[in-house]
């Protein structure tokens, strides 16, 4: 029986704002389908979920130099990413650079790719993945929507460069869009809308370095 790789000591900070029906659905999916994969990759996970997704805990945890990757899920807007009960976790002009510097950041959150993403890069983040418009999923078919987004986290955890991550994620989106197109044009179109508003260093230098990748010890 093969042993799991030893945890690297470079933890991932995961934020899951699980307080309303939409965020609870996504949080449960990530818990079951994504986080076990991090363990298989030998990465330590620090998770702030539900009521723990609050500003003070995020600020303290994110500033740890060992944290090199932040993956977050919660409601958002162009300038704000929120945690429990829609309370602000990150806001343009209202956080310390140490919370984001030298980190790869991925936010599954509406519109944070518009202004907040580039702002984190200005403050030292090496790469940002997110969405410039609303991220939409369809109830009853949410798995395919979440899987496409989770592909970002899995590829980062594997140590791929940001450019390689982007290409892999786009390929996953496009495959699922084509599959859905034969079943339901409306659902396929909604998934495509998410792809079109995906932002990363490949779509613009404002989102960081294409050659950035998660460092391992």
N, C-alpha and C. Protein backbone atom coordinates (compact mmCIF):
# COMPACT_ATOMS: atom_id res chain seq x y z
N UNK A 1 0.85 -1.20 0.00
CA UNK A 1 0.00 0.00 0.00
C UNK A 1 0.88 1.24 0.00
N UNK A 2 0.64 2.16 -0.93
CA UNK A 2 1.45 3.37 -1.05
C UNK A 2 1.13 4.35 0.06
N UNK A 3 2.15 5.03 0.54
CA UNK A 3 1.96 6.05 1.55
C UNK A 3 1.66 7.39 0.91
N UNK A 4 0.88 8.20 1.60
CA UNK A 4 0.63 9.56 1.13
C UNK A 4 1.90 10.37 1.33
N UNK A 5 2.19 11.33 0.44
CA UNK A 5 3.37 12.17 0.62
C UNK A 5 3.26 12.98 1.90
N UNK A 6 4.40 13.21 2.52
CA UNK A 6 4.42 13.98 3.76
C UNK A 6 4.02 15.42 3.50
N UNK A 7 3.23 15.99 4.40
CA UNK A 7 2.82 17.39 4.25
C UNK A 7 4.03 18.29 4.16
N UNK A 8 3.98 19.25 3.25
CA UNK A 8 5.17 20.01 2.89
C UNK A 8 5.53 21.12 3.86
N UNK A 9 4.59 21.53 4.72
CA UNK A 9 4.87 22.67 5.58
C UNK A 9 4.59 23.99 4.90
N UNK A 10 4.10 23.96 3.66
CA UNK A 10 3.68 25.15 2.93
C UNK A 10 2.16 25.10 2.80
N UNK A 11 1.44 25.53 3.82
CA UNK A 11 0.00 25.30 3.82
C UNK A 11 -0.77 26.15 2.83
N UNK A 12 -1.90 25.60 2.42
CA UNK A 12 -2.89 26.32 1.64
C UNK A 12 -3.89 26.91 2.62
N UNK A 13 -4.23 28.16 2.44
CA UNK A 13 -5.29 28.77 3.23
C UNK A 13 -6.56 28.75 2.39
N UNK A 14 -7.57 28.04 2.89
CA UNK A 14 -8.84 27.93 2.18
C UNK A 14 -9.93 28.67 2.95
N UNK A 15 -10.67 29.48 2.24
CA UNK A 15 -11.78 30.24 2.82
C UNK A 15 -13.09 29.72 2.23
N UNK A 16 -14.01 29.32 3.08
CA UNK A 16 -15.33 28.87 2.61
C UNK A 16 -16.41 29.60 3.38
N UNK A 17 -17.02 30.57 2.72
CA UNK A 17 -18.07 31.37 3.34
C UNK A 17 -19.39 30.61 3.27
N UNK A 18 -19.59 29.66 4.18
CA UNK A 18 -20.75 28.77 4.13
C UNK A 18 -21.84 29.26 5.07
N UNK A 19 -22.65 30.21 4.61
CA UNK A 19 -23.66 30.77 5.51
C UNK A 19 -25.04 30.90 4.86
N UNK A 20 -25.12 30.84 3.52
CA UNK A 20 -26.42 30.88 2.87
C UNK A 20 -26.49 29.70 1.90
N UNK A 21 -27.65 29.43 1.29
CA UNK A 21 -27.77 28.23 0.45
C UNK A 21 -26.70 28.11 -0.63
N UNK A 22 -26.40 29.20 -1.31
CA UNK A 22 -25.43 29.14 -2.41
C UNK A 22 -24.03 28.80 -1.90
N UNK A 23 -23.57 29.53 -0.87
CA UNK A 23 -22.21 29.28 -0.38
C UNK A 23 -22.10 27.94 0.35
N UNK A 24 -23.17 27.50 1.01
CA UNK A 24 -23.15 26.19 1.66
C UNK A 24 -22.99 25.07 0.63
N UNK A 25 -23.66 25.23 -0.50
CA UNK A 25 -23.57 24.23 -1.56
C UNK A 25 -22.15 24.12 -2.10
N UNK A 26 -21.53 25.28 -2.36
CA UNK A 26 -20.16 25.27 -2.89
C UNK A 26 -19.18 24.76 -1.84
N UNK A 27 -19.34 25.18 -0.60
CA UNK A 27 -18.42 24.78 0.46
C UNK A 27 -18.43 23.28 0.66
N UNK A 28 -19.60 22.68 0.64
CA UNK A 28 -19.70 21.24 0.82
C UNK A 28 -19.03 20.50 -0.33
N UNK A 29 -19.19 21.02 -1.54
CA UNK A 29 -18.56 20.40 -2.70
C UNK A 29 -17.04 20.46 -2.59
N UNK A 30 -16.52 21.61 -2.24
CA UNK A 30 -15.07 21.76 -2.11
C UNK A 30 -14.51 20.87 -1.01
N UNK A 31 -15.25 20.76 0.08
CA UNK A 31 -14.81 19.91 1.19
C UNK A 31 -14.68 18.45 0.77
N UNK A 32 -15.63 17.98 -0.02
CA UNK A 32 -15.66 16.57 -0.42
C UNK A 32 -14.78 16.27 -1.62
N UNK A 33 -14.75 17.19 -2.59
CA UNK A 33 -14.13 16.90 -3.87
C UNK A 33 -12.76 17.52 -4.09
N UNK A 34 -12.47 18.62 -3.36
CA UNK A 34 -11.21 19.33 -3.60
C UNK A 34 -10.18 19.11 -2.52
N UNK A 35 -10.56 19.28 -1.28
CA UNK A 35 -9.57 19.28 -0.21
C UNK A 35 -8.87 17.94 0.00
N UNK A 36 -9.53 16.80 -0.20
CA UNK A 36 -8.77 15.54 -0.13
C UNK A 36 -7.65 15.47 -1.16
N UNK A 37 -7.82 16.17 -2.28
CA UNK A 37 -6.77 16.16 -3.31
C UNK A 37 -5.53 16.89 -2.82
N UNK A 38 -5.72 17.95 -2.04
CA UNK A 38 -4.56 18.64 -1.48
C UNK A 38 -3.75 17.71 -0.60
N UNK A 39 -4.44 16.91 0.19
CA UNK A 39 -3.75 15.96 1.07
C UNK A 39 -2.95 14.95 0.24
N UNK A 40 -3.53 14.49 -0.86
CA UNK A 40 -2.82 13.55 -1.73
C UNK A 40 -1.56 14.16 -2.31
N UNK A 41 -1.58 15.48 -2.49
CA UNK A 41 -0.41 16.17 -3.02
C UNK A 41 0.60 16.52 -1.92
N UNK A 42 0.28 16.15 -0.68
CA UNK A 42 1.20 16.41 0.43
C UNK A 42 1.19 17.84 0.92
N UNK A 43 0.09 18.54 0.70
CA UNK A 43 -0.02 19.94 1.11
C UNK A 43 -0.89 20.07 2.34
N UNK A 44 -0.47 20.91 3.26
CA UNK A 44 -1.24 21.17 4.47
C UNK A 44 -2.35 22.17 4.18
N UNK A 45 -3.50 21.94 4.78
CA UNK A 45 -4.64 22.81 4.56
C UNK A 45 -5.06 23.49 5.85
N UNK A 46 -5.10 24.81 5.81
CA UNK A 46 -5.70 25.59 6.89
C UNK A 46 -7.01 26.14 6.35
N UNK A 47 -8.13 25.79 7.00
CA UNK A 47 -9.45 26.13 6.45
C UNK A 47 -10.22 27.03 7.41
N UNK A 48 -10.70 28.14 6.89
CA UNK A 48 -11.59 29.03 7.62
C UNK A 48 -12.95 28.94 6.96
N UNK A 49 -13.86 28.20 7.59
CA UNK A 49 -15.16 27.93 6.99
C UNK A 49 -16.28 28.41 7.90
N UNK A 50 -17.40 28.77 7.29
CA UNK A 50 -18.55 29.20 8.06
C UNK A 50 -18.23 30.41 8.91
N UNK A 51 -18.52 30.34 10.18
CA UNK A 51 -18.31 31.47 11.09
C UNK A 51 -16.83 31.82 11.27
N UNK A 52 -15.95 30.90 10.92
CA UNK A 52 -14.51 31.18 11.01
C UNK A 52 -14.02 32.05 9.85
N UNK A 53 -14.84 32.18 8.82
CA UNK A 53 -14.45 33.02 7.68
C UNK A 53 -14.72 34.48 8.03
N UNK A 54 -13.88 35.00 8.92
CA UNK A 54 -14.02 36.38 9.39
C UNK A 54 -12.72 37.15 9.18
N UNK A 55 -12.83 38.44 9.14
CA UNK A 55 -11.71 39.30 8.81
C UNK A 55 -10.50 39.10 9.73
N UNK A 56 -10.71 39.07 11.03
CA UNK A 56 -9.58 39.01 11.95
C UNK A 56 -8.80 37.71 11.79
N UNK A 57 -9.49 36.59 11.59
CA UNK A 57 -8.80 35.31 11.41
C UNK A 57 -8.11 35.24 10.06
N UNK A 58 -8.76 35.80 9.05
CA UNK A 58 -8.12 35.83 7.73
C UNK A 58 -6.85 36.66 7.78
N UNK A 59 -6.92 37.83 8.38
CA UNK A 59 -5.76 38.72 8.43
C UNK A 59 -4.58 38.05 9.11
N UNK A 60 -4.83 37.44 10.25
CA UNK A 60 -3.74 36.80 11.00
C UNK A 60 -3.16 35.62 10.24
N UNK A 61 -4.03 34.78 9.69
CA UNK A 61 -3.58 33.56 9.02
C UNK A 61 -2.90 33.86 7.69
N UNK A 62 -3.46 34.77 6.93
CA UNK A 62 -2.92 35.08 5.61
C UNK A 62 -1.53 35.69 5.68
N UNK A 63 -1.22 36.38 6.77
CA UNK A 63 0.08 37.04 6.88
C UNK A 63 1.23 36.08 7.21
N UNK A 64 0.90 34.84 7.51
CA UNK A 64 1.97 33.88 7.77
C UNK A 64 2.76 33.64 6.48
N UNK A 65 4.07 33.74 6.58
CA UNK A 65 4.92 33.61 5.40
C UNK A 65 4.82 32.22 4.78
N UNK A 66 4.47 31.22 5.59
CA UNK A 66 4.37 29.86 5.07
C UNK A 66 3.20 29.69 4.11
N UNK A 67 2.20 30.55 4.21
CA UNK A 67 1.03 30.45 3.34
C UNK A 67 1.38 31.03 1.96
N UNK A 68 1.41 30.16 0.96
CA UNK A 68 1.79 30.60 -0.38
C UNK A 68 0.65 30.50 -1.38
N UNK A 69 -0.48 29.97 -0.95
CA UNK A 69 -1.62 29.81 -1.84
C UNK A 69 -2.90 30.03 -1.04
N UNK A 70 -3.72 30.96 -1.51
CA UNK A 70 -5.03 31.22 -0.90
C UNK A 70 -6.11 30.87 -1.91
N UNK A 71 -6.99 29.95 -1.54
CA UNK A 71 -8.16 29.65 -2.36
C UNK A 71 -9.40 30.02 -1.56
N UNK A 72 -10.21 30.91 -2.10
CA UNK A 72 -11.35 31.41 -1.34
C UNK A 72 -12.65 31.31 -2.11
N UNK A 73 -13.74 31.09 -1.36
CA UNK A 73 -15.07 31.04 -1.95
C UNK A 73 -16.01 31.86 -1.09
N UNK A 74 -16.71 32.78 -1.71
CA UNK A 74 -17.67 33.61 -1.00
C UNK A 74 -18.24 34.65 -1.94
N UNK A 75 -19.23 35.36 -1.48
CA UNK A 75 -19.81 36.42 -2.30
C UNK A 75 -18.80 37.56 -2.48
N UNK A 76 -18.95 38.27 -3.57
CA UNK A 76 -18.00 39.35 -3.81
C UNK A 76 -18.57 40.43 -4.71
N UNK A 77 -17.76 41.44 -4.91
CA UNK A 77 -18.07 42.52 -5.84
C UNK A 77 -16.75 42.95 -6.46
N UNK A 78 -16.78 44.00 -7.25
CA UNK A 78 -15.56 44.42 -7.94
C UNK A 78 -14.40 44.68 -6.98
N UNK A 79 -14.68 45.23 -5.81
CA UNK A 79 -13.63 45.66 -4.90
C UNK A 79 -13.57 44.88 -3.58
N UNK A 80 -14.50 43.95 -3.38
CA UNK A 80 -14.61 43.30 -2.07
C UNK A 80 -14.83 41.79 -2.20
N UNK A 81 -14.14 41.02 -1.37
CA UNK A 81 -14.38 39.59 -1.20
C UNK A 81 -14.88 39.39 0.23
N UNK A 82 -15.98 38.66 0.39
CA UNK A 82 -16.60 38.56 1.70
C UNK A 82 -16.55 37.14 2.27
N UNK A 83 -16.71 37.08 3.59
CA UNK A 83 -16.75 35.81 4.30
C UNK A 83 -18.12 35.56 4.89
N UNK A 84 -18.14 35.09 6.14
CA UNK A 84 -19.39 34.75 6.79
C UNK A 84 -20.33 35.95 6.87
N UNK A 85 -21.60 35.69 6.53
CA UNK A 85 -22.64 36.71 6.64
C UNK A 85 -22.32 37.95 5.79
N UNK A 86 -21.57 37.74 4.71
CA UNK A 86 -21.20 38.82 3.77
C UNK A 86 -20.35 39.91 4.43
N UNK A 87 -19.60 39.56 5.47
CA UNK A 87 -18.68 40.51 6.09
C UNK A 87 -17.38 40.55 5.29
N UNK A 88 -16.80 41.71 5.16
CA UNK A 88 -15.62 41.91 4.33
C UNK A 88 -14.41 41.13 4.85
N UNK A 89 -13.74 40.43 3.92
CA UNK A 89 -12.46 39.78 4.22
C UNK A 89 -11.31 40.53 3.55
N UNK A 90 -11.50 40.88 2.29
CA UNK A 90 -10.50 41.64 1.54
C UNK A 90 -11.21 42.76 0.80
N UNK A 91 -10.67 43.95 0.90
CA UNK A 91 -11.25 45.10 0.22
C UNK A 91 -10.14 45.97 -0.34
N UNK A 92 -10.30 46.41 -1.56
CA UNK A 92 -9.31 47.29 -2.18
C UNK A 92 -9.00 48.46 -1.26
N UNK A 93 -7.72 48.66 -0.97
CA UNK A 93 -7.28 49.78 -0.15
C UNK A 93 -7.46 49.59 1.35
N UNK A 94 -7.85 48.37 1.77
CA UNK A 94 -8.16 48.18 3.19
C UNK A 94 -7.60 46.87 3.73
N UNK A 95 -6.38 46.53 3.32
CA UNK A 95 -5.70 45.35 3.86
C UNK A 95 -4.19 45.57 3.78
N UNK A 96 -3.46 44.81 4.56
CA UNK A 96 -2.00 44.93 4.58
C UNK A 96 -1.40 44.12 3.44
N UNK A 97 -0.34 44.64 2.85
CA UNK A 97 0.32 43.94 1.74
C UNK A 97 0.76 42.54 2.16
N UNK A 98 1.12 42.37 3.43
CA UNK A 98 1.59 41.07 3.91
C UNK A 98 0.54 39.98 3.79
N UNK A 99 -0.71 40.37 3.66
CA UNK A 99 -1.78 39.38 3.54
C UNK A 99 -1.80 38.70 2.17
N UNK A 100 -1.19 39.32 1.18
CA UNK A 100 -1.24 38.78 -0.18
C UNK A 100 0.13 38.60 -0.83
N UNK A 101 1.15 39.24 -0.33
CA UNK A 101 2.43 39.24 -1.03
C UNK A 101 3.04 37.84 -1.09
N UNK A 102 3.64 37.55 -2.24
CA UNK A 102 4.30 36.28 -2.52
C UNK A 102 3.34 35.09 -2.54
N UNK A 103 2.06 35.36 -2.77
CA UNK A 103 1.07 34.29 -2.77
C UNK A 103 0.36 34.21 -4.12
N UNK A 104 -0.08 33.00 -4.43
CA UNK A 104 -1.03 32.79 -5.52
C UNK A 104 -2.42 32.82 -4.90
N UNK A 105 -3.33 33.55 -5.53
CA UNK A 105 -4.67 33.71 -4.98
C UNK A 105 -5.71 33.29 -6.02
N UNK A 106 -6.67 32.50 -5.58
CA UNK A 106 -7.79 32.11 -6.43
C UNK A 106 -9.08 32.35 -5.66
N UNK A 107 -9.95 33.18 -6.20
CA UNK A 107 -11.23 33.45 -5.55
C UNK A 107 -12.39 33.02 -6.44
N UNK A 108 -13.17 32.08 -5.93
CA UNK A 108 -14.44 31.71 -6.57
C UNK A 108 -15.48 32.65 -5.99
N UNK A 109 -15.66 33.76 -6.66
CA UNK A 109 -16.46 34.85 -6.12
C UNK A 109 -16.84 35.79 -7.25
N UNK A 110 -18.04 36.27 -7.23
CA UNK A 110 -18.49 37.17 -8.31
C UNK A 110 -17.67 38.46 -8.35
N UNK A 111 -17.20 38.80 -9.54
CA UNK A 111 -16.67 40.12 -9.90
C UNK A 111 -15.34 40.52 -9.26
N UNK A 112 -14.76 39.70 -8.38
CA UNK A 112 -13.51 40.11 -7.73
C UNK A 112 -12.34 40.19 -8.71
N UNK A 113 -12.50 39.59 -9.88
CA UNK A 113 -11.46 39.70 -10.89
C UNK A 113 -11.43 41.05 -11.58
N UNK A 114 -12.40 41.90 -11.29
CA UNK A 114 -12.44 43.21 -11.94
C UNK A 114 -11.42 44.18 -11.36
N UNK A 115 -11.49 44.42 -10.03
CA UNK A 115 -10.58 45.38 -9.39
C UNK A 115 -9.76 44.76 -8.26
N UNK A 116 -10.37 43.90 -7.46
CA UNK A 116 -9.65 43.34 -6.32
C UNK A 116 -8.47 42.48 -6.76
N UNK A 117 -8.67 41.68 -7.79
CA UNK A 117 -7.57 40.83 -8.27
C UNK A 117 -6.33 41.62 -8.64
N UNK A 118 -6.44 42.59 -9.56
CA UNK A 118 -5.27 43.40 -9.89
C UNK A 118 -4.69 44.14 -8.68
N UNK A 119 -5.55 44.53 -7.73
CA UNK A 119 -5.06 45.23 -6.55
C UNK A 119 -4.19 44.33 -5.69
N UNK A 120 -4.54 43.04 -5.59
CA UNK A 120 -3.69 42.13 -4.81
C UNK A 120 -2.32 41.98 -5.46
N UNK A 121 -2.29 41.99 -6.79
CA UNK A 121 -1.01 41.89 -7.50
C UNK A 121 -0.18 43.15 -7.27
N UNK A 122 -0.82 44.30 -7.29
CA UNK A 122 -0.11 45.55 -7.00
C UNK A 122 0.51 45.51 -5.61
N UNK A 123 -0.12 44.77 -4.69
CA UNK A 123 0.37 44.68 -3.32
C UNK A 123 1.24 43.47 -3.07
N UNK A 124 1.66 42.78 -4.14
CA UNK A 124 2.66 41.74 -3.98
C UNK A 124 2.25 40.33 -4.30
N UNK A 125 0.96 40.06 -4.56
CA UNK A 125 0.56 38.71 -4.97
C UNK A 125 1.25 38.37 -6.28
N UNK A 126 1.69 37.13 -6.44
CA UNK A 126 2.41 36.77 -7.66
C UNK A 126 1.47 36.33 -8.77
N UNK A 127 0.24 35.95 -8.42
CA UNK A 127 -0.74 35.58 -9.44
C UNK A 127 -2.13 35.58 -8.83
N UNK A 128 -3.11 35.91 -9.66
CA UNK A 128 -4.51 35.92 -9.22
C UNK A 128 -5.37 35.25 -10.27
N UNK A 129 -6.26 34.35 -9.82
CA UNK A 129 -7.29 33.76 -10.67
C UNK A 129 -8.65 34.15 -10.09
N UNK A 130 -9.56 34.60 -10.95
CA UNK A 130 -10.89 34.96 -10.48
C UNK A 130 -11.78 35.32 -11.65
N UNK A 131 -12.92 35.89 -11.34
CA UNK A 131 -13.94 36.17 -12.36
C UNK A 131 -14.31 37.65 -12.33
N UNK A 132 -14.36 38.26 -13.51
CA UNK A 132 -14.63 39.69 -13.60
C UNK A 132 -16.12 40.01 -13.56
N UNK A 133 -16.95 38.99 -13.75
CA UNK A 133 -18.40 39.16 -13.68
C UNK A 133 -18.96 38.13 -12.70
N UNK A 134 -20.27 38.01 -12.63
CA UNK A 134 -20.88 37.02 -11.74
C UNK A 134 -20.50 35.61 -12.17
N UNK A 135 -20.16 34.77 -11.18
CA UNK A 135 -19.98 33.34 -11.44
C UNK A 135 -21.35 32.69 -11.24
N UNK A 136 -21.85 32.06 -12.28
CA UNK A 136 -23.20 31.51 -12.28
C UNK A 136 -23.14 29.99 -12.28
N UNK A 137 -23.95 29.33 -11.45
CA UNK A 137 -24.10 27.88 -11.57
C UNK A 137 -25.58 27.53 -11.58
N UNK A 138 -25.88 26.37 -12.13
CA UNK A 138 -27.26 25.93 -12.29
C UNK A 138 -27.56 24.84 -11.27
N UNK A 139 -28.57 25.06 -10.47
CA UNK A 139 -28.96 24.09 -9.45
C UNK A 139 -29.33 22.77 -10.12
N UNK A 140 -28.81 21.70 -9.57
CA UNK A 140 -29.03 20.38 -10.15
C UNK A 140 -27.93 19.95 -11.09
N UNK A 141 -27.19 20.92 -11.62
CA UNK A 141 -26.03 20.63 -12.49
C UNK A 141 -24.80 21.35 -11.97
N UNK A 142 -24.82 21.70 -10.67
CA UNK A 142 -23.75 22.53 -10.13
C UNK A 142 -22.38 21.85 -10.16
N UNK A 143 -22.38 20.51 -10.14
CA UNK A 143 -21.10 19.80 -10.10
C UNK A 143 -20.17 20.16 -11.23
N UNK A 144 -20.68 20.26 -12.44
CA UNK A 144 -19.82 20.57 -13.58
C UNK A 144 -19.26 21.99 -13.48
N UNK A 145 -20.03 22.91 -12.95
CA UNK A 145 -19.57 24.29 -12.77
C UNK A 145 -18.45 24.34 -11.73
N UNK A 146 -18.66 23.64 -10.62
CA UNK A 146 -17.65 23.66 -9.55
C UNK A 146 -16.38 22.91 -9.97
N UNK A 147 -16.56 21.84 -10.73
CA UNK A 147 -15.39 21.08 -11.17
C UNK A 147 -14.48 21.92 -12.05
N UNK A 148 -15.07 22.69 -12.94
CA UNK A 148 -14.25 23.55 -13.80
C UNK A 148 -13.43 24.53 -12.97
N UNK A 149 -14.05 25.11 -11.96
CA UNK A 149 -13.33 26.04 -11.10
C UNK A 149 -12.29 25.33 -10.25
N UNK A 150 -12.64 24.16 -9.71
CA UNK A 150 -11.69 23.42 -8.87
C UNK A 150 -10.45 22.97 -9.64
N UNK A 151 -10.57 22.91 -10.96
CA UNK A 151 -9.41 22.55 -11.78
C UNK A 151 -8.28 23.56 -11.58
N UNK A 152 -8.62 24.80 -11.29
CA UNK A 152 -7.60 25.81 -10.99
C UNK A 152 -6.80 25.38 -9.78
N UNK A 153 -7.48 25.03 -8.70
CA UNK A 153 -6.82 24.66 -7.45
C UNK A 153 -5.98 23.40 -7.61
N UNK A 154 -6.53 22.42 -8.29
CA UNK A 154 -5.80 21.15 -8.45
C UNK A 154 -4.52 21.35 -9.24
N UNK A 155 -4.60 22.13 -10.31
CA UNK A 155 -3.42 22.35 -11.15
C UNK A 155 -2.36 23.16 -10.40
N UNK A 156 -2.79 24.14 -9.63
CA UNK A 156 -1.84 24.91 -8.81
C UNK A 156 -1.17 23.99 -7.80
N UNK A 157 -1.97 23.15 -7.15
CA UNK A 157 -1.43 22.23 -6.13
C UNK A 157 -0.42 21.26 -6.72
N UNK A 158 -0.57 20.94 -7.99
CA UNK A 158 0.37 20.03 -8.65
C UNK A 158 1.69 20.70 -9.00
N UNK A 159 1.76 22.01 -8.84
CA UNK A 159 3.00 22.73 -9.10
C UNK A 159 3.17 23.21 -10.53
N UNK A 160 2.08 23.25 -11.30
CA UNK A 160 2.18 23.77 -12.66
C UNK A 160 2.39 25.28 -12.64
N UNK A 161 2.97 25.79 -13.71
CA UNK A 161 3.07 27.24 -13.82
C UNK A 161 1.68 27.82 -14.04
N UNK A 162 1.54 29.09 -13.76
CA UNK A 162 0.25 29.75 -13.94
C UNK A 162 -0.24 29.63 -15.38
N UNK A 163 0.66 29.76 -16.35
CA UNK A 163 0.27 29.62 -17.75
C UNK A 163 -0.26 28.21 -18.02
N UNK A 164 0.40 27.20 -17.47
CA UNK A 164 -0.06 25.83 -17.64
C UNK A 164 -1.40 25.60 -16.94
N UNK A 165 -1.56 26.21 -15.77
CA UNK A 165 -2.83 26.11 -15.06
C UNK A 165 -3.95 26.69 -15.92
N UNK A 166 -3.71 27.88 -16.44
CA UNK A 166 -4.73 28.54 -17.25
C UNK A 166 -5.14 27.68 -18.45
N UNK A 167 -4.15 27.15 -19.16
CA UNK A 167 -4.45 26.35 -20.35
C UNK A 167 -5.25 25.11 -19.98
N UNK A 168 -4.89 24.48 -18.88
CA UNK A 168 -5.60 23.27 -18.46
C UNK A 168 -7.05 23.59 -18.06
N UNK A 169 -7.23 24.69 -17.37
CA UNK A 169 -8.57 25.08 -16.93
C UNK A 169 -9.45 25.44 -18.13
N UNK A 170 -8.92 26.19 -19.07
CA UNK A 170 -9.67 26.53 -20.26
C UNK A 170 -10.08 25.27 -21.02
N UNK A 171 -9.16 24.33 -21.12
CA UNK A 171 -9.47 23.08 -21.82
C UNK A 171 -10.60 22.32 -21.11
N UNK A 172 -10.59 22.33 -19.77
CA UNK A 172 -11.65 21.66 -19.02
C UNK A 172 -12.99 22.36 -19.24
N UNK A 173 -12.99 23.66 -19.16
CA UNK A 173 -14.21 24.43 -19.42
C UNK A 173 -14.75 24.11 -20.81
N UNK A 174 -13.89 24.18 -21.82
CA UNK A 174 -14.33 24.01 -23.20
C UNK A 174 -14.87 22.60 -23.44
N UNK A 175 -14.24 21.61 -22.82
CA UNK A 175 -14.74 20.23 -22.95
C UNK A 175 -16.15 20.13 -22.37
N UNK A 176 -16.33 20.64 -21.16
CA UNK A 176 -17.64 20.55 -20.51
C UNK A 176 -18.70 21.37 -21.25
N UNK A 177 -18.30 22.51 -21.79
CA UNK A 177 -19.22 23.33 -22.58
C UNK A 177 -19.72 22.56 -23.79
N UNK A 178 -18.81 21.88 -24.48
CA UNK A 178 -19.19 21.10 -25.66
C UNK A 178 -20.11 19.94 -25.29
N UNK A 179 -19.82 19.28 -24.18
CA UNK A 179 -20.67 18.16 -23.73
C UNK A 179 -22.07 18.67 -23.42
N UNK A 180 -22.13 19.78 -22.68
CA UNK A 180 -23.42 20.33 -22.30
C UNK A 180 -24.21 20.87 -23.49
N UNK A 181 -23.50 21.36 -24.51
CA UNK A 181 -24.17 21.93 -25.67
C UNK A 181 -25.08 20.92 -26.35
N UNK A 182 -24.72 19.64 -26.26
CA UNK A 182 -25.54 18.59 -26.87
C UNK A 182 -26.75 18.25 -26.02
N UNK A 183 -26.77 18.77 -24.78
CA UNK A 183 -27.86 18.44 -23.86
C UNK A 183 -28.76 19.64 -23.57
N UNK A 184 -28.15 20.80 -23.34
CA UNK A 184 -28.91 21.98 -22.94
C UNK A 184 -28.12 23.23 -23.28
N UNK A 185 -28.56 23.95 -24.29
CA UNK A 185 -27.84 25.15 -24.74
C UNK A 185 -27.77 26.22 -23.66
N UNK A 186 -28.81 26.32 -22.84
CA UNK A 186 -28.84 27.35 -21.81
C UNK A 186 -27.77 27.10 -20.76
N UNK A 187 -27.66 25.87 -20.28
CA UNK A 187 -26.65 25.53 -19.27
C UNK A 187 -25.25 25.67 -19.85
N UNK A 188 -25.09 25.20 -21.09
CA UNK A 188 -23.80 25.34 -21.76
C UNK A 188 -23.41 26.80 -21.88
N UNK A 189 -24.37 27.64 -22.21
CA UNK A 189 -24.10 29.07 -22.35
C UNK A 189 -23.70 29.72 -21.05
N UNK A 190 -24.30 29.28 -19.96
CA UNK A 190 -23.96 29.84 -18.65
C UNK A 190 -22.55 29.43 -18.23
N UNK A 191 -22.18 28.19 -18.52
CA UNK A 191 -20.82 27.78 -18.22
C UNK A 191 -19.82 28.55 -19.07
N UNK A 192 -20.16 28.79 -20.33
CA UNK A 192 -19.29 29.56 -21.20
C UNK A 192 -19.14 31.00 -20.72
N UNK A 193 -20.22 31.55 -20.15
CA UNK A 193 -20.14 32.92 -19.61
C UNK A 193 -19.11 32.99 -18.48
N UNK A 194 -19.04 31.94 -17.66
CA UNK A 194 -18.04 31.90 -16.60
C UNK A 194 -16.63 31.87 -17.18
N UNK A 195 -16.45 31.07 -18.22
CA UNK A 195 -15.13 31.00 -18.86
C UNK A 195 -14.73 32.35 -19.43
N UNK A 196 -15.66 33.05 -20.06
CA UNK A 196 -15.34 34.32 -20.70
C UNK A 196 -14.93 35.39 -19.70
N UNK A 197 -15.39 35.27 -18.46
CA UNK A 197 -15.01 36.29 -17.47
C UNK A 197 -13.91 35.81 -16.53
N UNK A 198 -13.31 34.64 -16.84
CA UNK A 198 -12.17 34.16 -16.06
C UNK A 198 -10.96 35.05 -16.31
N UNK A 199 -10.29 35.45 -15.23
CA UNK A 199 -9.11 36.29 -15.34
C UNK A 199 -7.91 35.60 -14.69
N UNK A 200 -6.75 35.78 -15.31
CA UNK A 200 -5.51 35.20 -14.81
C UNK A 200 -4.35 35.97 -15.43
N UNK A 201 -3.11 35.67 -15.04
CA UNK A 201 -1.97 36.35 -15.67
C UNK A 201 -1.88 36.10 -17.17
N UNK A 202 -2.56 35.06 -17.66
CA UNK A 202 -2.55 34.81 -19.10
C UNK A 202 -3.46 35.80 -19.82
N UNK A 203 -4.54 36.20 -19.19
CA UNK A 203 -5.46 37.15 -19.83
C UNK A 203 -4.93 38.58 -19.75
N UNK A 204 -4.11 38.87 -18.73
CA UNK A 204 -3.55 40.22 -18.58
C UNK A 204 -2.42 40.21 -17.56
N UNK A 205 -1.41 41.03 -17.81
CA UNK A 205 -0.31 41.16 -16.85
C UNK A 205 -0.77 41.76 -15.53
N UNK A 206 -1.94 42.37 -15.52
CA UNK A 206 -2.47 42.94 -14.28
C UNK A 206 -2.71 41.87 -13.22
N UNK A 207 -2.77 40.60 -13.66
CA UNK A 207 -3.08 39.51 -12.74
C UNK A 207 -1.86 38.69 -12.35
N UNK A 208 -0.68 39.21 -12.64
CA UNK A 208 0.52 38.56 -12.13
C UNK A 208 1.42 37.97 -13.21
N UNK A 209 2.25 37.01 -12.79
CA UNK A 209 3.28 36.43 -13.64
C UNK A 209 2.83 35.09 -14.22
N UNK A 210 3.01 34.93 -15.50
CA UNK A 210 2.63 33.68 -16.17
C UNK A 210 3.48 32.50 -15.72
N UNK A 211 4.72 32.76 -15.31
CA UNK A 211 5.62 31.67 -14.93
C UNK A 211 5.58 31.36 -13.43
N UNK A 212 4.73 32.03 -12.69
CA UNK A 212 4.63 31.78 -11.25
C UNK A 212 4.09 30.37 -11.00
N UNK A 213 4.51 29.76 -9.91
CA UNK A 213 3.97 28.47 -9.52
C UNK A 213 4.14 28.29 -8.02
N UNK A 214 3.42 27.35 -7.46
CA UNK A 214 3.46 27.09 -6.02
C UNK A 214 4.78 26.44 -5.67
N UNK A 215 5.55 27.09 -4.80
CA UNK A 215 6.82 26.53 -4.37
C UNK A 215 6.59 25.41 -3.36
N UNK A 216 7.42 24.41 -3.42
CA UNK A 216 7.34 23.29 -2.49
C UNK A 216 8.64 23.20 -1.70
N UNK A 217 8.56 22.64 -0.48
CA UNK A 217 9.78 22.45 0.31
C UNK A 217 10.27 21.03 0.17
